[in-house]
N, C-alpha and C. Protein backbone atom coordinates (compact mmCIF):
# COMPACT_ATOMS: atom_id res chain seq x y z
N MET A 1 -11.58 -27.20 6.77
CA MET A 1 -12.14 -25.87 7.03
C MET A 1 -11.26 -25.38 8.11
N GLY A 2 -10.86 -25.90 9.25
CA GLY A 2 -10.09 -25.04 10.12
C GLY A 2 -8.84 -24.73 9.81
N LYS A 3 -8.33 -25.14 8.64
CA LYS A 3 -6.97 -24.72 8.20
C LYS A 3 -7.30 -23.30 7.35
N PHE A 4 -8.46 -23.29 6.58
CA PHE A 4 -8.86 -22.39 5.82
C PHE A 4 -9.14 -21.01 6.91
N ILE A 5 -9.80 -21.28 7.86
CA ILE A 5 -10.01 -20.17 9.04
C ILE A 5 -8.77 -19.77 9.68
N ARG A 6 -7.52 -20.60 9.87
CA ARG A 6 -6.66 -20.29 10.56
C ARG A 6 -5.79 -19.35 9.86
N GLY A 7 -6.01 -19.76 8.39
CA GLY A 7 -5.12 -18.80 7.31
C GLY A 7 -5.63 -17.28 7.45
N PHE A 8 -6.84 -16.99 7.89
CA PHE A 8 -7.28 -15.75 8.03
C PHE A 8 -6.51 -15.20 9.19
N GLY A 9 -6.34 -16.07 10.32
CA GLY A 9 -5.80 -15.61 11.70
C GLY A 9 -3.93 -15.27 11.27
N TYR A 10 -3.44 -16.01 10.35
CA TYR A 10 -2.11 -15.82 9.85
C TYR A 10 -1.97 -14.44 8.96
N ALA A 11 -3.05 -14.17 8.30
CA ALA A 11 -3.17 -12.89 7.54
C ALA A 11 -3.28 -11.71 8.20
N PHE A 12 -4.26 -11.70 9.06
CA PHE A 12 -4.32 -10.67 10.26
C PHE A 12 -3.45 -10.34 11.24
N SER A 13 -2.40 -11.59 11.33
CA SER A 13 -1.12 -11.39 12.13
C SER A 13 -0.22 -10.58 11.29
N GLY A 14 -0.05 -10.75 9.95
CA GLY A 14 0.81 -10.22 9.30
C GLY A 14 0.57 -8.67 9.28
N LEU A 15 -0.91 -8.43 8.92
CA LEU A 15 -1.21 -7.20 8.96
C LEU A 15 -1.07 -6.21 10.11
N GLY A 16 -0.99 -7.18 11.36
CA GLY A 16 -0.59 -6.52 12.61
C GLY A 16 0.74 -6.20 12.93
N TYR A 17 1.51 -7.26 12.37
CA TYR A 17 3.02 -6.85 12.25
C TYR A 17 3.33 -5.86 11.44
N ALA A 18 2.80 -5.64 10.36
CA ALA A 18 3.30 -4.41 9.38
C ALA A 18 2.80 -3.34 10.01
N PHE A 19 1.47 -3.10 10.48
CA PHE A 19 0.98 -1.84 11.12
C PHE A 19 1.89 -1.41 12.58
N LYS A 20 2.18 -2.63 13.21
CA LYS A 20 3.19 -2.07 14.59
C LYS A 20 4.72 -1.65 14.12
N SER A 21 5.19 -2.39 13.08
CA SER A 21 6.52 -2.34 12.80
C SER A 21 6.83 -1.32 11.64
N GLN A 22 6.03 -1.09 10.74
CA GLN A 22 6.53 -0.33 9.47
C GLN A 22 5.75 0.99 9.25
N LEU A 23 6.59 1.85 9.52
CA LEU A 23 6.00 3.35 9.52
C LEU A 23 5.44 3.50 8.21
N ASN A 24 6.06 3.18 7.03
CA ASN A 24 5.54 3.32 5.82
C ASN A 24 4.08 2.57 5.53
N PHE A 25 4.03 1.56 6.10
CA PHE A 25 2.55 1.11 6.25
C PHE A 25 1.34 1.83 6.75
N LYS A 26 1.89 2.73 7.70
CA LYS A 26 0.94 3.23 8.53
C LYS A 26 0.51 4.67 7.75
N VAL A 27 1.80 5.28 7.08
CA VAL A 27 1.83 6.48 6.25
C VAL A 27 0.78 6.05 5.04
N HIS A 28 0.92 4.75 4.49
CA HIS A 28 0.10 4.42 3.43
C HIS A 28 -1.36 4.36 3.84
N LEU A 29 -1.56 3.98 4.93
CA LEU A 29 -2.86 3.32 5.65
C LEU A 29 -3.65 4.66 5.92
N LEU A 30 -2.84 5.94 6.44
CA LEU A 30 -3.41 7.13 6.79
C LEU A 30 -3.88 7.83 5.66
N THR A 31 -3.05 7.68 4.61
CA THR A 31 -3.36 8.22 3.24
C THR A 31 -4.46 7.59 2.84
N ALA A 32 -4.76 6.08 2.59
CA ALA A 32 -5.92 5.44 2.24
C ALA A 32 -7.30 6.01 2.76
N ILE A 33 -7.07 6.25 4.28
CA ILE A 33 -8.17 6.72 5.26
C ILE A 33 -8.47 8.32 4.52
N LEU A 34 -7.51 9.17 4.31
CA LEU A 34 -7.71 10.59 4.07
C LEU A 34 -8.51 10.68 2.55
N VAL A 35 -8.00 9.70 1.70
CA VAL A 35 -8.28 9.53 0.28
C VAL A 35 -9.83 9.14 0.30
N SER A 36 -10.10 8.12 1.13
CA SER A 36 -11.63 7.60 1.13
C SER A 36 -12.50 8.77 1.76
N ILE A 37 -12.20 9.42 2.87
CA ILE A 37 -12.85 10.57 3.37
C ILE A 37 -13.19 11.54 2.11
N ALA A 38 -11.96 11.82 1.33
CA ALA A 38 -12.10 12.86 0.36
C ALA A 38 -12.90 12.20 -0.78
N GLY A 39 -13.07 10.80 -0.98
CA GLY A 39 -14.11 10.16 -2.11
C GLY A 39 -15.42 10.25 -1.64
N CYS A 40 -15.68 10.53 -0.25
CA CYS A 40 -16.89 10.72 0.04
C CYS A 40 -17.65 11.73 0.06
N TRP A 41 -16.50 12.84 0.35
CA TRP A 41 -16.64 14.27 0.31
C TRP A 41 -17.25 14.57 -1.15
N PHE A 42 -16.32 14.20 -2.23
CA PHE A 42 -16.58 14.64 -3.46
C PHE A 42 -17.70 13.52 -4.25
N LYS A 43 -18.19 12.55 -3.55
CA LYS A 43 -19.41 11.72 -3.98
C LYS A 43 -18.73 11.08 -5.26
N LEU A 44 -17.75 10.19 -5.32
CA LEU A 44 -17.18 9.69 -6.22
C LEU A 44 -18.21 8.62 -7.00
N SER A 45 -17.99 8.56 -8.22
CA SER A 45 -18.90 7.64 -9.07
C SER A 45 -18.37 6.03 -8.64
N ILE A 46 -19.06 5.15 -8.98
CA ILE A 46 -18.47 3.87 -8.72
C ILE A 46 -17.24 3.27 -9.63
N ALA A 47 -17.08 3.98 -10.66
CA ALA A 47 -16.07 3.63 -11.60
C ALA A 47 -14.86 4.37 -10.87
N GLU A 48 -14.83 5.44 -10.17
CA GLU A 48 -13.98 6.24 -9.57
C GLU A 48 -13.42 5.53 -8.31
N TRP A 49 -14.57 5.27 -7.73
CA TRP A 49 -14.32 4.39 -6.46
C TRP A 49 -13.52 2.83 -6.78
N LEU A 50 -13.77 2.29 -7.97
CA LEU A 50 -13.00 0.96 -8.12
C LEU A 50 -11.54 1.47 -8.47
N TRP A 51 -11.23 2.57 -9.23
CA TRP A 51 -9.94 2.84 -9.42
C TRP A 51 -9.41 3.26 -7.90
N ILE A 52 -10.04 3.73 -7.14
CA ILE A 52 -9.15 4.48 -5.99
C ILE A 52 -9.09 3.23 -4.91
N ILE A 53 -9.92 2.29 -4.88
CA ILE A 53 -9.82 1.23 -4.23
C ILE A 53 -8.62 0.27 -4.70
N ALA A 54 -8.41 -0.12 -6.05
CA ALA A 54 -7.60 -0.89 -6.74
C ALA A 54 -6.19 -0.37 -6.39
N ALA A 55 -6.07 1.16 -6.57
CA ALA A 55 -4.68 1.84 -6.12
C ALA A 55 -4.52 1.77 -4.73
N ILE A 56 -5.41 1.73 -3.82
CA ILE A 56 -5.04 1.55 -2.16
C ILE A 56 -4.69 0.39 -2.22
N GLY A 57 -5.53 -0.71 -2.70
CA GLY A 57 -5.00 -2.15 -2.58
C GLY A 57 -3.56 -2.57 -3.04
N MET A 58 -3.47 -1.99 -4.19
CA MET A 58 -1.92 -2.24 -4.84
C MET A 58 -0.76 -1.68 -3.82
N VAL A 59 -1.12 -0.39 -3.32
CA VAL A 59 -0.05 0.14 -2.68
C VAL A 59 0.08 -0.75 -1.24
N LEU A 60 -0.82 -0.98 -0.32
CA LEU A 60 -0.74 -1.55 0.53
C LEU A 60 -0.13 -3.20 0.49
N MET A 61 -0.60 -3.74 -0.59
CA MET A 61 -0.03 -5.11 -0.95
C MET A 61 1.42 -5.04 -1.47
N ALA A 62 1.95 -3.88 -2.34
CA ALA A 62 3.30 -3.73 -2.45
C ALA A 62 4.29 -3.64 -1.09
N GLU A 63 3.62 -2.65 -0.22
CA GLU A 63 4.35 -2.35 1.15
C GLU A 63 4.43 -3.56 1.98
N LEU A 64 3.44 -4.66 1.97
CA LEU A 64 3.55 -5.87 2.58
C LEU A 64 4.48 -6.88 2.10
N LEU A 65 4.49 -6.68 0.74
CA LEU A 65 5.45 -7.52 -0.15
C LEU A 65 7.01 -7.28 0.16
N ASN A 66 7.16 -5.86 0.26
CA ASN A 66 8.24 -5.44 0.38
C ASN A 66 8.68 -5.58 2.06
N THR A 67 7.92 -5.42 2.85
CA THR A 67 8.08 -5.86 4.24
C THR A 67 8.58 -7.19 4.21
N ALA A 68 7.88 -8.05 3.66
CA ALA A 68 8.08 -9.69 3.55
C ALA A 68 9.37 -10.01 2.99
N ILE A 69 9.84 -9.20 1.89
CA ILE A 69 11.08 -9.44 1.16
C ILE A 69 12.24 -9.02 1.92
N GLU A 70 11.95 -7.77 2.72
CA GLU A 70 13.34 -7.23 3.70
C GLU A 70 13.58 -8.41 4.93
N ILE A 71 12.56 -9.04 5.30
CA ILE A 71 12.71 -9.73 6.34
C ILE A 71 13.29 -11.10 5.95
N LEU A 72 12.73 -11.70 4.93
CA LEU A 72 13.56 -12.86 4.38
C LEU A 72 14.79 -12.40 3.91
N VAL A 73 15.29 -11.39 3.36
CA VAL A 73 16.81 -11.04 3.20
C VAL A 73 17.55 -10.97 4.35
N ASP A 74 16.81 -10.45 5.32
CA ASP A 74 17.63 -10.42 6.63
C ASP A 74 17.66 -11.64 7.47
N LEU A 75 16.92 -12.66 7.12
CA LEU A 75 17.01 -14.03 7.50
C LEU A 75 18.14 -14.78 6.80
N VAL A 76 18.28 -14.79 5.43
CA VAL A 76 19.04 -15.39 4.65
C VAL A 76 20.35 -14.93 4.66
N SER A 77 20.62 -13.63 4.85
CA SER A 77 21.60 -12.65 4.79
C SER A 77 21.88 -11.89 5.86
N PRO A 78 22.13 -12.25 6.89
CA PRO A 78 22.19 -11.24 8.18
C PRO A 78 23.39 -10.49 7.91
N GLU A 79 24.26 -10.78 7.38
CA GLU A 79 25.64 -9.94 7.34
C GLU A 79 25.24 -9.21 6.01
N ILE A 80 25.95 -7.70 5.98
CA ILE A 80 25.87 -6.93 4.88
C ILE A 80 26.44 -7.56 3.54
N HIS A 81 25.53 -7.59 2.51
CA HIS A 81 25.90 -8.29 1.19
C HIS A 81 25.30 -7.47 -0.10
N PRO A 82 26.34 -7.14 -0.94
CA PRO A 82 25.67 -6.18 -2.07
C PRO A 82 24.45 -6.79 -2.56
N LYS A 83 24.30 -7.92 -2.81
CA LYS A 83 22.95 -8.59 -3.69
C LYS A 83 21.89 -8.44 -2.74
N ALA A 84 22.03 -8.62 -1.33
CA ALA A 84 21.07 -8.17 -0.48
C ALA A 84 20.27 -7.00 -0.48
N LYS A 85 21.57 -6.10 -0.75
CA LYS A 85 20.93 -4.42 -0.75
C LYS A 85 20.29 -4.44 -2.02
N ILE A 86 20.61 -4.95 -3.00
CA ILE A 86 19.89 -4.84 -4.37
C ILE A 86 18.60 -5.24 -4.39
N ILE A 87 18.25 -6.26 -3.76
CA ILE A 87 17.07 -7.12 -3.64
C ILE A 87 16.25 -6.08 -2.58
N LYS A 88 16.68 -5.61 -1.52
CA LYS A 88 15.94 -4.66 -0.85
C LYS A 88 15.46 -3.46 -1.41
N ASP A 89 16.66 -2.92 -2.46
CA ASP A 89 16.16 -1.59 -3.02
C ASP A 89 15.32 -1.83 -4.25
N VAL A 90 15.32 -2.89 -4.70
CA VAL A 90 14.42 -3.25 -6.01
C VAL A 90 12.90 -3.29 -5.33
N ALA A 91 12.75 -4.05 -4.30
CA ALA A 91 11.67 -4.18 -3.64
C ALA A 91 10.97 -2.80 -2.93
N ALA A 92 11.86 -2.11 -2.47
CA ALA A 92 11.33 -0.63 -2.27
C ALA A 92 11.16 0.16 -3.46
N ALA A 93 11.79 -0.13 -4.74
CA ALA A 93 11.44 0.75 -5.80
C ALA A 93 10.05 0.25 -6.22
N ALA A 94 9.39 -1.20 -6.08
CA ALA A 94 8.29 -1.42 -6.65
C ALA A 94 7.34 -0.64 -5.60
N VAL A 95 7.32 -0.58 -4.38
CA VAL A 95 6.42 0.38 -3.64
C VAL A 95 6.52 1.68 -4.19
N LEU A 96 7.23 2.41 -4.48
CA LEU A 96 7.77 3.54 -5.02
C LEU A 96 6.86 3.72 -6.42
N VAL A 97 7.31 2.71 -7.07
CA VAL A 97 6.31 2.95 -8.61
C VAL A 97 4.92 2.60 -8.33
N THR A 98 4.51 1.69 -7.44
CA THR A 98 2.93 1.52 -7.28
C THR A 98 2.61 2.80 -6.50
N ALA A 99 3.07 3.31 -5.69
CA ALA A 99 2.45 4.45 -4.99
C ALA A 99 2.75 5.59 -5.93
N ILE A 100 3.41 5.90 -6.76
CA ILE A 100 3.53 6.72 -7.86
C ILE A 100 2.23 6.79 -8.62
N THR A 101 2.14 5.47 -9.15
CA THR A 101 0.93 5.36 -10.12
C THR A 101 -0.32 5.60 -9.05
N ALA A 102 -0.39 5.36 -7.92
CA ALA A 102 -1.83 5.32 -7.40
C ALA A 102 -2.08 7.08 -7.04
N ALA A 103 -0.76 7.60 -6.83
CA ALA A 103 -1.10 9.06 -6.69
C ALA A 103 -1.41 9.79 -7.89
N ILE A 104 -0.97 9.48 -9.12
CA ILE A 104 -1.47 9.73 -10.36
C ILE A 104 -2.92 9.48 -10.66
N ILE A 105 -3.25 8.29 -10.25
CA ILE A 105 -4.81 7.87 -10.36
C ILE A 105 -5.61 9.07 -9.49
N GLY A 106 -4.86 9.21 -8.47
CA GLY A 106 -5.64 9.91 -7.46
C GLY A 106 -6.02 11.37 -7.88
N LEU A 107 -4.91 11.90 -8.47
CA LEU A 107 -4.94 13.27 -9.13
C LEU A 107 -5.73 13.43 -10.24
N ILE A 108 -5.83 12.34 -11.12
CA ILE A 108 -6.62 12.23 -12.38
C ILE A 108 -8.12 12.43 -11.91
N ILE A 109 -8.35 11.57 -10.72
CA ILE A 109 -9.74 11.59 -10.22
C ILE A 109 -10.19 12.90 -9.66
N PHE A 110 -9.34 13.50 -8.43
CA PHE A 110 -9.71 14.44 -7.47
C PHE A 110 -9.37 15.87 -8.11
N ILE A 111 -8.11 16.20 -9.06
CA ILE A 111 -8.17 17.75 -9.48
C ILE A 111 -9.28 18.11 -10.16
N PRO A 112 -9.86 17.49 -11.43
CA PRO A 112 -11.01 18.22 -11.69
C PRO A 112 -12.42 18.35 -10.63
N LYS A 113 -12.41 17.59 -9.69
CA LYS A 113 -13.41 17.66 -8.77
C LYS A 113 -12.97 18.88 -7.63
N ILE A 114 -11.65 19.05 -7.56
CA ILE A 114 -11.38 20.14 -6.75
C ILE A 114 -11.48 21.27 -7.34
N LEU A 115 -11.12 21.40 -8.64
CA LEU A 115 -11.38 22.76 -9.59
C LEU A 115 -12.58 22.86 -9.65
N ASN A 116 -13.69 22.06 -10.00
CA ASN A 116 -15.04 22.37 -9.84
C ASN A 116 -15.57 22.72 -8.44
N TYR A 117 -15.10 22.21 -7.45
CA TYR A 117 -15.64 22.70 -6.10
C TYR A 117 -15.12 24.01 -5.76
N ALA A 118 -13.91 24.56 -6.36
CA ALA A 118 -13.50 25.86 -6.12
C ALA A 118 -14.01 26.78 -6.86
N SER A 119 -14.56 26.42 -8.01
CA SER A 119 -15.19 27.43 -8.80
C SER A 119 -16.79 27.82 -8.58
């Protein structure tokens, strides 16, 4: 049981590292907070909240994996190498695709609410 509990400590340590060292993680987290506030303001349905929570989770997870991959690549290939660059670029592209997908989900949910609110 102790190992299980320590695992949470390691995970929170990883979150802390990402928050302290990764600007993009902070931007995604701030965006998640703003979207959550908007969700409360517009009184999202349970189904809409599920989509928003899934999108937020995917973006934060992608950013964390990207950070881990970048650190691992730097560890195993401290010198500049073309394949190391490709690995980092593809990992960053995964974050981009995830963030674009999340933005589309957000637009599908929020645009009708904003238009309805404005009229």
